[in-house]
Amino acid sequence: MSGVLHHFAFDPASRAARLALGEAKVAFEENPVRPWEPDCIVGTLNPSGMPPVFVTQERERPLTLCELPAILGWIEDQSPGALLPTDPVERAEARRLIQWFARRFNDEVDAVLLHERLEKPLLRLGPPEARALREGRESLKAHLSQLEVMLAQRDCLAGRRLTQADLVAAAHLSVLDFFGEVSWSNWPTLKTWYMRIKSRPAFRPLLSDRLAGLQAAPHYADLDF
């Protein structure tokens, strides 16, 4: 199995796709894109214009997988149990958590903080708004508090082993961590979990992601922080 992943490095869904493909040992080439540009190839491959898009082959036929759910589903089809547990309770929990990040976390945290810290500088929309930052950070604290409690009772987010849910969560948190938005000292159990995932080989390429004009937090690439 191999293919080309068209992705934007600071899009949480794109990061989750990179992590999942890496953990599943799928060989892939990376094609970084800027999805807001009118000539971006993603707009041709995916009608929504959203990354990530993974282009591969299935039985010598071209296959284009548009966005994260399709990519995660394809990985599970190719390697059943690789990134989802066989236990039905933990499997359902992993899927619940993935949806939590795709909807609530994205709407309440990413859409606010990443708009202010990432989209505004890239699109030259002006400086961050203090009120929006405060609201986004309060929402982030509420989500981190839930994750801290959850991980105090489990080895990984969905239960006993690493799943798609851990990779999706780590993808979202890693973008926020780039901007120094996660106060790890307040969430010691969550920090230990993140350090374990951050040390995995599939995570290493994310630590070198940079964007011109945006400064990474000093600890961003440190494995022991």
Foldseek 3Di string as FASTA:
>chain_A
DEWEKEEALLDLQSQLLLLLCVLLVYHYHYDYFDLVDPPTCCVVLDVVSDDTWTWDDDPNHIDIQGTRVSSQVVSCVVPPCSFAHPPPQLNVQLVVLLVCCVPVVCVQAVVQVCCQQPVCVVVVVDHGDPVSVVRNLVSVVVVLVVQLVQLVVAVANSHDDHHSSRSSVLSVVLSCQQQPSDPCVVRVSVVVSSLVSCPDPSNQVSLPDDDPPHHGDPCSNPSPD
